[in-house]
Amino acid sequence: ILVVGVNGVGKTTTIGKLTQRFQREGKSVMLAAGDTFRAAAVEQLKVWGERNSVPVIAQHTGADSASVIYDAVAAAKSRGVDVLIADTAGRLHNKSHLMEELKKVHRVMQKLDDTAP
């Protein structure tokens, strides 16, 4: 699941809630910290990972978002994880560099899994 949306709408909090729901259904979950722009984003997602006892694939703030998500897809596949939920930076449709980043994320995910979003 690739979570996208505008800034400040609760994407990361929703990821925490989705994680709990999938776990109640008996599914294994992994999180990907693809929001590498907002300074606290990686830490916020790690907190949700700790609360739900799920692994979080992350790199440092400013890292390439597509690289983080590529690593997460590879890790989820190798570990047999049922659901991978990837957080992304908030973006508006008129911010072309962020929309291009989303296209890149899609391309790298498709390299590992042609059914990926």
PDB file of N, CA and C in Angstrom:
ATOM      1  N   ILE A   1       0.862  -1.168   0.000  1.00  0.00           N
ATOM      2  CA  ILE A   1       0.000   0.000   0.000  1.00  0.00           C
ATOM      3  C   ILE A   1       0.904   1.225   0.000  1.00  0.00           C
ATOM      4  N   LEU A   2       0.731   2.078  -0.980  1.00  0.00           N
ATOM      5  CA  LEU A   2       1.488   3.324  -1.074  1.00  0.00           C
ATOM      6  C   LEU A   2       0.568   4.450  -0.610  1.00  0.00           C
ATOM      7  N   VAL A   3       0.920   5.086   0.507  1.00  0.00           N
ATOM      8  CA  VAL A   3       0.069   6.119   1.096  1.00  0.00           C
ATOM      9  C   VAL A   3       0.546   7.487   0.613  1.00  0.00           C
ATOM     10  N   VAL A   4      -0.327   8.183  -0.112  1.00  0.00           N
ATOM     11  CA  VAL A   4      -0.001   9.505  -0.649  1.00  0.00           C
ATOM     12  C   VAL A   4      -1.105  10.491  -0.285  1.00  0.00           C
ATOM     13  N   GLY A   5      -0.762  11.765  -0.265  1.00  0.00           N
ATOM     14  CA  GLY A   5      -1.754  12.791   0.023  1.00  0.00           C
ATOM     15  C   GLY A   5      -1.071  14.117   0.279  1.00  0.00           C
ATOM     16  N   VAL A   6      -1.878  15.123   0.546  1.00  0.00           N
ATOM     17  CA  VAL A   6      -1.341  16.457   0.814  1.00  0.00           C
ATOM     18  C   VAL A   6      -0.771  16.507   2.228  1.00  0.00           C
ATOM     19  N   ASN A   7      -0.035  17.561   2.517  1.00  0.00           N
ATOM     20  CA  ASN A   7       0.600  17.732   3.821  1.00  0.00           C
ATOM     21  C   ASN A   7      -0.431  17.827   4.938  1.00  0.00           C
ATOM     22  N   GLY A   8      -0.134  17.163   6.051  1.00  0.00           N
ATOM     23  CA  GLY A   8      -0.901  17.363   7.268  1.00  0.00           C
ATOM     24  C   GLY A   8      -2.264  16.714   7.350  1.00  0.00           C
ATOM     25  N   VAL A   9      -2.540  15.717   6.526  1.00  0.00           N
ATOM     26  CA  VAL A   9      -3.868  15.099   6.563  1.00  0.00           C
ATOM     27  C   VAL A   9      -3.908  13.815   7.390  1.00  0.00           C
ATOM     28  N   GLY A  10      -2.784  13.422   7.980  1.00  0.00           N
ATOM     29  CA  GLY A  10      -2.779  12.250   8.845  1.00  0.00           C
ATOM     30  C   GLY A  10      -2.373  10.953   8.177  1.00  0.00           C
ATOM     31  N   LYS A  11      -1.543  11.034   7.158  1.00  0.00           N
ATOM     32  CA  LYS A  11      -1.105   9.817   6.459  1.00  0.00           C
ATOM     33  C   LYS A  11      -0.391   8.856   7.408  1.00  0.00           C
ATOM     34  N   THR A  12       0.529   9.372   8.185  1.00  0.00           N
ATOM     35  CA  THR A  12       1.330   8.512   9.049  1.00  0.00           C
ATOM     36  C   THR A  12       0.477   7.907  10.162  1.00  0.00           C
ATOM     37  N   THR A  13      -0.417   8.679  10.731  1.00  0.00           N
ATOM     38  CA  THR A  13      -1.323   8.154  11.753  1.00  0.00           C
ATOM     39  C   THR A  13      -2.235   7.087  11.164  1.00  0.00           C
ATOM     40  N   THR A  14      -2.708   7.306   9.963  1.00  0.00           N
ATOM     41  CA  THR A  14      -3.544   6.312   9.286  1.00  0.00           C
ATOM     42  C   THR A  14      -2.771   5.016   9.075  1.00  0.00           C
ATOM     43  N   ILE A  15      -1.488   5.124   8.761  1.00  0.00           N
ATOM     44  CA  ILE A  15      -0.655   3.931   8.594  1.00  0.00           C
ATOM     45  C   ILE A  15      -0.626   3.124   9.891  1.00  0.00           C
ATOM     46  N   GLY A  16      -0.489   3.810  11.022  1.00  0.00           N
ATOM     47  CA  GLY A  16      -0.511   3.114  12.311  1.00  0.00           C
ATOM     48  C   GLY A  16      -1.815   2.377  12.530  1.00  0.00           C
ATOM     49  N   LYS A  17      -2.920   3.001  12.185  1.00  0.00           N
ATOM     50  CA  LYS A  17      -4.236   2.373  12.354  1.00  0.00           C
ATOM     51  C   LYS A  17      -4.436   1.217  11.384  1.00  0.00           C
ATOM     52  N   LEU A  18      -3.974   1.380  10.143  1.00  0.00           N
ATOM     53  CA  LEU A  18      -4.059   0.285   9.170  1.00  0.00           C
ATOM     54  C   LEU A  18      -3.234  -0.913   9.625  1.00  0.00           C
ATOM     55  N   THR A  19      -2.072  -0.631  10.190  1.00  0.00           N
ATOM     56  CA  THR A  19      -1.215  -1.705  10.694  1.00  0.00           C
ATOM     57  C   THR A  19      -1.967  -2.534  11.727  1.00  0.00           C
ATOM     58  N   GLN A  20      -2.612  -1.865  12.674  1.00  0.00           N
ATOM     59  CA  GLN A  20      -3.379  -2.572  13.699  1.00  0.00           C
ATOM     60  C   GLN A  20      -4.498  -3.401  13.081  1.00  0.00           C
ATOM     61  N   ARG A  21      -5.163  -2.856  12.105  1.00  0.00           N
ATOM     62  CA  ARG A  21      -6.263  -3.582  11.465  1.00  0.00           C
ATOM     63  C   ARG A  21      -5.754  -4.855  10.781  1.00  0.00           C
ATOM     64  N   PHE A  22      -4.679  -4.725   9.990  1.00  0.00           N
ATOM     65  CA  PHE A  22      -4.145  -5.904   9.308  1.00  0.00           C
ATOM     66  C   PHE A  22      -3.651  -6.942  10.309  1.00  0.00           C
ATOM     67  N   GLN A  23      -3.067  -6.506  11.411  1.00  0.00           N
ATOM     68  CA  GLN A  23      -2.612  -7.447  12.429  1.00  0.00           C
ATOM     69  C   GLN A  23      -3.791  -8.188  13.058  1.00  0.00           C
ATOM     70  N   ARG A  24      -4.884  -7.491  13.304  1.00  0.00           N
ATOM     71  CA  ARG A  24      -6.084  -8.158  13.845  1.00  0.00           C
ATOM     72  C   ARG A  24      -6.600  -9.222  12.887  1.00  0.00           C
ATOM     73  N   GLU A  25      -6.356  -9.013  11.591  1.00  0.00           N
ATOM     74  CA  GLU A  25      -6.767  -9.990  10.578  1.00  0.00           C
ATOM     75  C   GLU A  25      -5.749 -11.123  10.441  1.00  0.00           C
ATOM     76  N   GLY A  26      -4.689 -11.082  11.249  1.00  0.00           N
ATOM     77  CA  GLY A  26      -3.691 -12.143  11.232  1.00  0.00           C
ATOM     78  C   GLY A  26      -2.607 -11.985  10.179  1.00  0.00           C
ATOM     79  N   LYS A  27      -2.494 -10.809   9.610  1.00  0.00           N
ATOM     80  CA  LYS A  27      -1.497 -10.568   8.566  1.00  0.00           C
ATOM     81  C   LYS A  27      -0.215  -9.983   9.173  1.00  0.00           C
ATOM     82  N   SER A  28       0.908 -10.330   8.558  1.00  0.00           N
ATOM     83  CA  SER A  28       2.175  -9.706   8.958  1.00  0.00           C
ATOM     84  C   SER A  28       2.320  -8.391   8.188  1.00  0.00           C
ATOM     85  N   VAL A  29       2.892  -7.400   8.855  1.00  0.00           N
ATOM     86  CA  VAL A  29       2.975  -6.052   8.285  1.00  0.00           C
ATOM     87  C   VAL A  29       4.404  -5.528   8.422  1.00  0.00           C
ATOM     88  N   MET A  30       4.815  -4.765   7.426  1.00  0.00           N
ATOM     89  CA  MET A  30       6.084  -4.034   7.462  1.00  0.00           C
ATOM     90  C   MET A  30       5.793  -2.608   7.007  1.00  0.00           C
ATOM     91  N   LEU A  31       6.535  -1.652   7.565  1.00  0.00           N
ATOM     92  CA  LEU A  31       6.358  -0.250   7.195  1.00  0.00           C
ATOM     93  C   LEU A  31       7.602   0.268   6.488  1.00  0.00           C
ATOM     94  N   ALA A  32       7.392   1.187   5.548  1.00  0.00           N
ATOM     95  CA  ALA A  32       8.486   1.832   4.821  1.00  0.00           C
ATOM     96  C   ALA A  32       8.413   3.335   5.050  1.00  0.00           C
ATOM     97  N   ALA A  33       9.504   3.905   5.535  1.00  0.00           N
ATOM     98  CA  ALA A  33       9.560   5.337   5.838  1.00  0.00           C
ATOM     99  C   ALA A  33       9.994   6.116   4.600  1.00  0.00           C
ATOM    100  N   GLY A  34       9.075   6.259   3.656  1.00  0.00           N
ATOM    101  CA  GLY A  34       9.364   6.936   2.401  1.00  0.00           C
ATOM    102  C   GLY A  34       9.265   8.447   2.457  1.00  0.00           C
ATOM    103  N   ASP A  35       8.788   8.996   3.583  1.00  0.00           N
ATOM    104  CA  ASP A  35       8.782  10.453   3.743  1.00  0.00           C
ATOM    105  C   ASP A  35      10.139  10.845   4.298  1.00  0.00           C
ATOM    106  N   THR A  36      11.048  11.161   3.409  1.00  0.00           N
ATOM    107  CA  THR A  36      12.410  11.500   3.829  1.00  0.00           C
ATOM    108  C   THR A  36      12.637  13.009   3.868  1.00  0.00           C
ATOM    109  N   PHE A  37      11.581  13.800   3.655  1.00  0.00           N
ATOM    110  CA  PHE A  37      11.701  15.257   3.651  1.00  0.00           C
ATOM    111  C   PHE A  37      11.441  15.858   5.027  1.00  0.00           C
ATOM    112  N   ARG A  38      10.341  15.450   5.647  1.00  0.00           N
ATOM    113  CA  ARG A  38       9.970  16.020   6.947  1.00  0.00           C
ATOM    114  C   ARG A  38      10.880  15.424   8.017  1.00  0.00           C
ATOM    115  N   ALA A  39      11.511  16.286   8.775  1.00  0.00           N
ATOM    116  CA  ALA A  39      12.533  15.855   9.730  1.00  0.00           C
ATOM    117  C   ALA A  39      12.037  14.789  10.705  1.00  0.00           C
ATOM    118  N   ALA A  40      10.839  14.917  11.207  1.00  0.00           N
ATOM    119  CA  ALA A  40      10.347  13.981  12.219  1.00  0.00           C
ATOM    120  C   ALA A  40       9.589  12.790  11.634  1.00  0.00           C
ATOM    121  N   ALA A  41       9.452  12.734  10.333  1.00  0.00           N
ATOM    122  CA  ALA A  41       8.614  11.702   9.712  1.00  0.00           C
ATOM    123  C   ALA A  41       9.121  10.291   9.970  1.00  0.00           C
ATOM    124  N   VAL A  42      10.415  10.078   9.813  1.00  0.00           N
ATOM    125  CA  VAL A  42      10.980   8.744  10.018  1.00  0.00           C
ATOM    126  C   VAL A  42      10.783   8.323  11.468  1.00  0.00           C
ATOM    127  N   GLU A  43      11.060   9.231  12.397  1.00  0.00           N
ATOM    128  CA  GLU A  43      10.889   8.909  13.817  1.00  0.00           C
ATOM    129  C   GLU A  43       9.434   8.622  14.151  1.00  0.00           C
ATOM    130  N   GLN A  44       8.518   9.393  13.573  1.00  0.00           N
ATOM    131  CA  GLN A  44       7.094   9.180  13.828  1.00  0.00           C
ATOM    132  C   GLN A  44       6.673   7.792  13.357  1.00  0.00           C
ATOM    133  N   LEU A  45       7.140   7.377  12.185  1.00  0.00           N
ATOM    134  CA  LEU A  45       6.777   6.061  11.673  1.00  0.00           C
ATOM    135  C   LEU A  45       7.420   4.960  12.519  1.00  0.00           C
ATOM    136  N   LYS A  46       8.641   5.196  12.980  1.00  0.00           N
ATOM    137  CA  LYS A  46       9.292   4.209  13.853  1.00  0.00           C
ATOM    138  C   LYS A  46       8.507   4.015  15.149  1.00  0.00           C
ATOM    139  N   VAL A  47       7.946   5.086  15.677  1.00  0.00           N
ATOM    140  CA  VAL A  47       7.117   4.976  16.883  1.00  0.00           C
ATOM    141  C   VAL A  47       5.910   4.083  16.602  1.00  0.00           C
ATOM    142  N   TRP A  48       5.261   4.282  15.452  1.00  0.00           N
ATOM    143  CA  TRP A  48       4.130   3.428  15.089  1.00  0.00           C
ATOM    144  C   TRP A  48       4.580   1.982  14.915  1.00  0.00           C
ATOM    145  N   GLY A  49       5.762   1.786  14.361  1.00  0.00           N
ATOM    146  CA  GLY A  49       6.297   0.437  14.225  1.00  0.00           C
ATOM    147  C   GLY A  49       6.510  -0.216  15.579  1.00  0.00           C
ATOM    148  N   GLU A  50       7.078   0.532  16.522  1.00  0.00           N
ATOM    149  CA  GLU A  50       7.302   0.008  17.874  1.00  0.00           C
ATOM    150  C   GLU A  50       5.986  -0.290  18.574  1.00  0.00           C
ATOM    151  N   ARG A  51       5.024   0.606  18.459  1.00  0.00           N
ATOM    152  CA  ARG A  51       3.717   0.397  19.100  1.00  0.00           C
ATOM    153  C   ARG A  51       3.047  -0.881  18.614  1.00  0.00           C
ATOM    154  N   ASN A  52       3.253  -1.189  17.344  1.00  0.00           N
ATOM    155  CA  ASN A  52       2.594  -2.344  16.736  1.00  0.00           C
ATOM    156  C   ASN A  52       3.527  -3.542  16.566  1.00  0.00           C
ATOM    157  N   SER A  53       4.756  -3.414  17.047  1.00  0.00           N
ATOM    158  CA  SER A  53       5.754  -4.495  16.952  1.00  0.00           C
ATOM    159  C   SER A  53       5.949  -4.973  15.519  1.00  0.00           C
ATOM    160  N   VAL A  54       6.133  -4.014  14.605  1.00  0.00           N
ATOM    161  CA  VAL A  54       6.393  -4.352  13.203  1.00  0.00           C
ATOM    162  C   VAL A  54       7.692  -3.677  12.765  1.00  0.00           C
ATOM    163  N   PRO A  55       8.406  -4.294  11.825  1.00  0.00           N
ATOM    164  CA  PRO A  55       9.647  -3.684  11.344  1.00  0.00           C
ATOM    165  C   PRO A  55       9.378  -2.452  10.484  1.00  0.00           C
ATOM    166  N   VAL A  56      10.301  -1.508  10.565  1.00  0.00           N
ATOM    167  CA  VAL A  56      10.238  -0.289   9.760  1.00  0.00           C
ATOM    168  C   VAL A  56      11.537  -0.190   8.964  1.00  0.00           C
ATOM    169  N   ILE A  57      11.415  -0.122   7.652  1.00  0.00           N
ATOM    170  CA  ILE A  57      12.576   0.073   6.790  1.00  0.00           C
ATOM    171  C   ILE A  57      12.736   1.574   6.596  1.00  0.00           C
ATOM    172  N   ALA A  58      13.901   2.095   6.965  1.00  0.00           N
ATOM    173  CA  ALA A  58      14.108   3.546   6.931  1.00  0.00           C
ATOM    174  C   ALA A  58      15.559   3.863   6.601  1.00  0.00           C
ATOM    175  N   GLN A  59      15.759   5.081   6.142  1.00  0.00           N
ATOM    176  CA  GLN A  59      17.088   5.646   5.965  1.00  0.00           C
ATOM    177  C   GLN A  59      17.066   7.015   6.636  1.00  0.00           C
ATOM    178  N   HIS A  60      18.068   7.805   6.404  1.00  0.00           N
ATOM    179  CA  HIS A  60      18.177   9.113   7.042  1.00  0.00           C
ATOM    180  C   HIS A  60      17.291  10.150   6.350  1.00  0.00           C
ATOM    181  N   THR A  61      17.007  11.233   7.065  1.00  0.00           N
ATOM    182  CA  THR A  61      16.275  12.355   6.486  1.00  0.00           C
ATOM    183  C   THR A  61      17.056  12.876   5.285  1.00  0.00           C
ATOM    184  N   GLY A  62      16.365  13.101   4.182  1.00  0.00           N
ATOM    185  CA  GLY A  62      16.997  13.577   2.962  1.00  0.00           C
ATOM    186  C   GLY A  62      17.394  12.467   2.007  1.00  0.00           C
ATOM    187  N   ALA A  63      17.234  11.218   2.429  1.00  0.00           N
ATOM    188  CA  ALA A  63      17.560  10.086   1.551  1.00  0.00           C
ATOM    189  C   ALA A  63      16.580  10.041   0.383  1.00  0.00           C
ATOM    190  N   ASP A  64      16.926   9.268  -0.627  1.00  0.00           N
ATOM    191  CA  ASP A  64      16.059   9.106  -1.790  1.00  0.00           C
ATOM    192  C   ASP A  64      14.856   8.238  -1.412  1.00  0.00           C
ATOM    193  N   SER A  65      13.674   8.795  -1.503  1.00  0.00           N
ATOM    194  CA  SER A  65      12.450   8.091  -1.126  1.00  0.00           C
ATOM    195  C   SER A  65      12.276   6.793  -1.909  1.00  0.00           C
ATOM    196  N   ALA A  66      12.551   6.828  -3.195  1.00  0.00           N
ATOM    197  CA  ALA A  66      12.399   5.630  -4.021  1.00  0.00           C
ATOM    198  C   ALA A  66      13.352   4.531  -3.566  1.00  0.00           C
ATOM    199  N   SER A  67      14.534   4.907  -3.132  1.00  0.00           N
ATOM    200  CA  SER A  67      15.509   3.934  -2.634  1.00  0.00           C
ATOM    201  C   SER A  67      15.011   3.252  -1.363  1.00  0.00           C
ATOM    202  N   VAL A  68      14.446   4.031  -0.457  1.00  0.00           N
ATOM    203  CA  VAL A  68      13.898   3.476   0.783  1.00  0.00           C
ATOM    204  C   VAL A  68      12.791   2.481   0.458  1.00  0.00           C
ATOM    205  N   ILE A  69      11.900   2.865  -0.427  1.00  0.00           N
ATOM    206  CA  ILE A  69      10.764   2.007  -0.753  1.00  0.00           C
ATOM    207  C   ILE A  69      11.222   0.774  -1.525  1.00  0.00           C
ATOM    208  N   TYR A  70      12.213   0.904  -2.382  1.00  0.00           N
ATOM    209  CA  TYR A  70      12.790  -0.254  -3.072  1.00  0.00           C
ATOM    210  C   TYR A  70      13.335  -1.247  -2.048  1.00  0.00           C
ATOM    211  N   ASP A  71      14.115  -0.743  -1.084  1.00  0.00           N
ATOM    212  CA  ASP A  71      14.660  -1.607  -0.029  1.00  0.00           C
ATOM    213  C   ASP A  71      13.544  -2.295   0.750  1.00  0.00           C
ATOM    214  N   ALA A  72      12.476  -1.560   1.014  1.00  0.00           N
ATOM    215  CA  ALA A  72      11.361  -2.119   1.777  1.00  0.00           C
ATOM    216  C   ALA A  72      10.636  -3.211   0.998  1.00  0.00           C
ATOM    217  N   VAL A  73      10.402  -3.000  -0.288  1.00  0.00           N
ATOM    218  CA  VAL A  73       9.746  -4.025  -1.107  1.00  0.00           C
ATOM    219  C   VAL A  73      10.614  -5.280  -1.140  1.00  0.00           C
ATOM    220  N   ALA A  74      11.913  -5.101  -1.331  1.00  0.00           N
ATOM    221  CA  ALA A  74      12.826  -6.249  -1.355  1.00  0.00           C
ATOM    222  C   ALA A  74      12.806  -6.988  -0.017  1.00  0.00           C
ATOM    223  N   ALA A  75      12.838  -6.247   1.086  1.00  0.00           N
ATOM    224  CA  ALA A  75      12.821  -6.859   2.416  1.00  0.00           C
ATOM    225  C   ALA A  75      11.506  -7.584   2.677  1.00  0.00           C
ATOM    226  N   ALA A  76      10.392  -6.963   2.302  1.00  0.00           N
ATOM    227  CA  ALA A  76       9.082  -7.583   2.518  1.00  0.00           C
ATOM    228  C   ALA A  76       8.955  -8.881   1.731  1.00  0.00           C
ATOM    229  N   LYS A  77       9.432  -8.865   0.497  1.00  0.00           N
ATOM    230  CA  LYS A  77       9.379 -10.073  -0.327  1.00  0.00           C
ATOM    231  C   LYS A  77      10.257 -11.172   0.263  1.00  0.00           C
ATOM    232  N   SER A  78      11.459 -10.825   0.679  1.00  0.00           N
ATOM    233  CA  SER A  78      12.382 -11.842   1.199  1.00  0.00           C
ATOM    234  C   SER A  78      11.920 -12.414   2.534  1.00  0.00           C
ATOM    235  N   ARG A  79      11.181 -11.622   3.318  1.00  0.00           N
ATOM    236  CA  ARG A  79      10.703 -12.083   4.628  1.00  0.00           C
ATOM    237  C   ARG A  79       9.293 -12.672   4.569  1.00  0.00           C
ATOM    238  N   GLY A  80       8.679 -12.633   3.395  1.00  0.00           N
ATOM    239  CA  GLY A  80       7.332 -13.183   3.263  1.00  0.00           C
ATOM    240  C   GLY A  80       6.264 -12.383   3.987  1.00  0.00           C
ATOM    241  N   VAL A  81       6.446 -11.077   4.039  1.00  0.00           N
ATOM    242  CA  VAL A  81       5.490 -10.194   4.715  1.00  0.00           C
ATOM    243  C   VAL A  81       4.219 -10.088   3.879  1.00  0.00           C
ATOM    244  N   ASP A  82       3.068 -10.133   4.563  1.00  0.00           N
ATOM    245  CA  ASP A  82       1.781 -10.066   3.865  1.00  0.00           C
ATOM    246  C   ASP A  82       1.472  -8.674   3.325  1.00  0.00           C
ATOM    247  N   VAL A  83       1.732  -7.634   4.140  1.00  0.00           N
ATOM    248  CA  VAL A  83       1.344  -6.268   3.769  1.00  0.00           C
ATOM    249  C   VAL A  83       2.506  -5.315   4.037  1.00  0.00           C
ATOM    250  N   LEU A  84       2.892  -4.584   3.011  1.00  0.00           N
ATOM    251  CA  LEU A  84       3.877  -3.510   3.151  1.00  0.00           C
ATOM    252  C   LEU A  84       3.131  -2.194   2.984  1.00  0.00           C
ATOM    253  N   ILE A  85       3.286  -1.306   3.965  1.00  0.00           N
ATOM    254  CA  ILE A  85       2.650   0.009   3.893  1.00  0.00           C
ATOM    255  C   ILE A  85       3.760   1.051   3.819  1.00  0.00           C
ATOM    256  N   ALA A  86       3.772   1.824   2.737  1.00  0.00           N
ATOM    257  CA  ALA A  86       4.823   2.816   2.514  1.00  0.00           C
ATOM    258  C   ALA A  86       4.291   4.227   2.713  1.00  0.00           C
ATOM    259  N   ASP A  87       4.911   4.942   3.624  1.00  0.00           N
ATOM    260  CA  ASP A  87       4.607   6.350   3.861  1.00  0.00           C
ATOM    261  C   ASP A  87       5.344   7.181   2.812  1.00  0.00           C
ATOM    262  N   THR A  88       4.760   8.294   2.412  1.00  0.00           N
ATOM    263  CA  THR A  88       5.416   9.208   1.482  1.00  0.00           C
ATOM    264  C   THR A  88       5.253  10.636   1.988  1.00  0.00           C
ATOM    265  N   ALA A  89       6.064  11.525   1.466  1.00  0.00           N
ATOM    266  CA  ALA A  89       5.976  12.939   1.831  1.00  0.00           C
ATOM    267  C   ALA A  89       4.669  13.528   1.317  1.00  0.00           C
ATOM    268  N   GLY A  90       4.129  14.481   2.068  1.00  0.00           N
ATOM    269  CA  GLY A  90       2.953  15.196   1.596  1.00  0.00           C
ATOM    270  C   GLY A  90       3.279  15.949   0.324  1.00  0.00           C
ATOM    271  N   ARG A  91       2.315  15.995  -0.575  1.00  0.00           N
ATOM    272  CA  ARG A  91       2.583  16.638  -1.871  1.00  0.00           C
ATOM    273  C   ARG A  91       1.311  17.236  -2.444  1.00  0.00           C
ATOM    274  N   LEU A  92       1.468  18.319  -3.144  1.00  0.00           N
ATOM    275  CA  LEU A  92       0.388  18.933  -3.901  1.00  0.00           C
ATOM    276  C   LEU A  92       0.622  18.633  -5.372  1.00  0.00           C
ATOM    277  N   HIS A  93      -0.451  18.544  -6.136  1.00  0.00           N
ATOM    278  CA  HIS A  93      -0.342  18.198  -7.553  1.00  0.00           C
ATOM    279  C   HIS A  93       0.454  19.224  -8.357  1.00  0.00           C
ATOM    280  N   ASN A  94       0.546  20.457  -7.866  1.00  0.00           N
ATOM    281  CA  ASN A  94       1.260  21.492  -8.623  1.00  0.00           C
ATOM    282  C   ASN A  94       2.754  21.565  -8.278  1.00  0.00           C
ATOM    283  N   LYS A  95       3.236  20.675  -7.444  1.00  0.00           N
ATOM    284  CA  LYS A  95       4.669  20.589  -7.126  1.00  0.00           C
ATOM    285  C   LYS A  95       5.271  19.495  -7.998  1.00  0.00           C
ATOM    286  N   SER A  96       5.743  19.888  -9.169  1.00  0.00           N
ATOM    287  CA  SER A  96       6.152  18.910 -10.183  1.00  0.00           C
ATOM    288  C   SER A  96       7.269  17.986  -9.712  1.00  0.00           C
ATOM    289  N   HIS A  97       8.219  18.494  -8.925  1.00  0.00           N
ATOM    290  CA  HIS A  97       9.316  17.621  -8.483  1.00  0.00           C
ATOM    291  C   HIS A  97       8.814  16.507  -7.567  1.00  0.00           C
ATOM    292  N   LEU A  98       7.794  16.795  -6.762  1.00  0.00           N
ATOM    293  CA  LEU A  98       7.234  15.755  -5.899  1.00  0.00           C
ATOM    294  C   LEU A  98       6.390  14.764  -6.692  1.00  0.00           C
ATOM    295  N   MET A  99       5.733  15.234  -7.723  1.00  0.00           N
ATOM    296  CA  MET A  99       4.969  14.317  -8.573  1.00  0.00           C
ATOM    297  C   MET A  99       5.923  13.420  -9.362  1.00  0.00           C
ATOM    298  N   GLU A 100       7.053  13.972  -9.794  1.00  0.00           N
ATOM    299  CA  GLU A 100       8.068  13.156 -10.478  1.00  0.00           C
ATOM    300  C   GLU A 100       8.653  12.116  -9.531  1.00  0.00           C
ATOM    301  N   GLU A 101       8.836  12.507  -8.273  1.00  0.00           N
ATOM    302  CA  GLU A 101       9.332  11.546  -7.286  1.00  0.00           C
ATOM    303  C   GLU A 101       8.366  10.368  -7.156  1.00  0.00           C
ATOM    304  N   LEU A 102       7.081  10.654  -7.160  1.00  0.00           N
ATOM    305  CA  LEU A 102       6.077   9.598  -7.062  1.00  0.00           C
ATOM    306  C   LEU A 102       6.153   8.656  -8.262  1.00  0.00           C
ATOM    307  N   LYS A 103       6.391   9.209  -9.435  1.00  0.00           N
ATOM    308  CA  LYS A 103       6.570   8.364 -10.626  1.00  0.00           C
ATOM    309  C   LYS A 103       7.789   7.462 -10.466  1.00  0.00           C
ATOM    310  N   LYS A 104       8.856   8.014  -9.911  1.00  0.00           N
ATOM    311  CA  LYS A 104      10.071   7.223  -9.690  1.00  0.00           C
ATOM    312  C   LYS A 104       9.812   6.102  -8.688  1.00  0.00           C
ATOM    313  N   VAL A 105       9.098   6.402  -7.620  1.00  0.00           N
ATOM    314  CA  VAL A 105       8.744   5.377  -6.633  1.00  0.00           C
ATOM    315  C   VAL A 105       7.989   4.245  -7.316  1.00  0.00           C
ATOM    316  N   HIS A 106       7.030   4.599  -8.148  1.00  0.00           N
ATOM    317  CA  HIS A 106       6.251   3.590  -8.878  1.00  0.00           C
ATOM    318  C   HIS A 106       7.166   2.731  -9.755  1.00  0.00           C
ATOM    319  N   ARG A 107       8.069   3.364 -10.474  1.00  0.00           N
ATOM    320  CA  ARG A 107       8.985   2.618 -11.361  1.00  0.00           C
ATOM    321  C   ARG A 107       9.849   1.629 -10.593  1.00  0.00           C
ATOM    322  N   VAL A 108      10.417   2.056  -9.478  1.00  0.00           N
ATOM    323  CA  VAL A 108      11.307   1.151  -8.746  1.00  0.00           C
ATOM    324  C   VAL A 108      10.533   0.025  -8.081  1.00  0.00           C
ATOM    325  N   MET A 109       9.310   0.295  -7.646  1.00  0.00           N
ATOM    326  CA  MET A 109       8.490  -0.775  -7.071  1.00  0.00           C
ATOM    327  C   MET A 109       8.162  -1.819  -8.133  1.00  0.00           C
ATOM    328  N   GLN A 110       7.871  -1.362  -9.335  1.00  0.00           N
ATOM    329  CA  GLN A 110       7.522  -2.270 -10.427  1.00  0.00           C
ATOM    330  C   GLN A 110       8.686  -3.189 -10.801  1.00  0.00           C
ATOM    331  N   LYS A 111       9.921  -2.755 -10.559  1.00  0.00           N
ATOM    332  CA  LYS A 111      11.084  -3.596 -10.860  1.00  0.00           C
ATOM    333  C   LYS A 111      11.085  -4.868 -10.024  1.00  0.00           C
ATOM    334  N   LEU A 112      10.577  -4.769  -8.800  1.00  0.00           N
ATOM    335  CA  LEU A 112      10.565  -5.916  -7.895  1.00  0.00           C
ATOM    336  C   LEU A 112       9.240  -6.655  -7.874  1.00  0.00           C
ATOM    337  N   ASP A 113       8.163  -5.935  -8.173  1.00  0.00           N
ATOM    338  CA  ASP A 113       6.832  -6.540  -8.088  1.00  0.00           C
ATOM    339  C   ASP A 113       5.913  -5.839  -9.084  1.00  0.00           C
ATOM    340  N   ASP A 114       5.592  -6.539 -10.163  1.00  0.00           N
ATOM    341  CA  ASP A 114       4.774  -5.899 -11.199  1.00  0.00           C
ATOM    342  C   ASP A 114       3.317  -5.711 -10.782  1.00  0.00           C
ATOM    343  N   THR A 115       2.943  -6.197  -9.596  1.00  0.00           N
ATOM    344  CA  THR A 115       1.591  -5.960  -9.091  1.00  0.00           C
ATOM    345  C   THR A 115       1.562  -4.798  -8.098  1.00  0.00           C
ATOM    346  N   ALA A 116       2.726  -4.197  -7.837  1.00  0.00           N
ATOM    347  CA  ALA A 116       2.805  -3.092  -6.877  1.00  0.00           C
ATOM    348  C   ALA A 116       2.037  -1.883  -7.403  1.00  0.00           C
ATOM    349  N   PRO A 117       1.552  -1.043  -6.447  1.00  0.00           N
ATOM    350  CA  PRO A 117       0.787   0.143  -6.879  1.00  0.00           C
ATOM    351  C   PRO A 117       1.614   1.101  -7.708  1.00  0.00           C
TER     352      PRO A 117
END
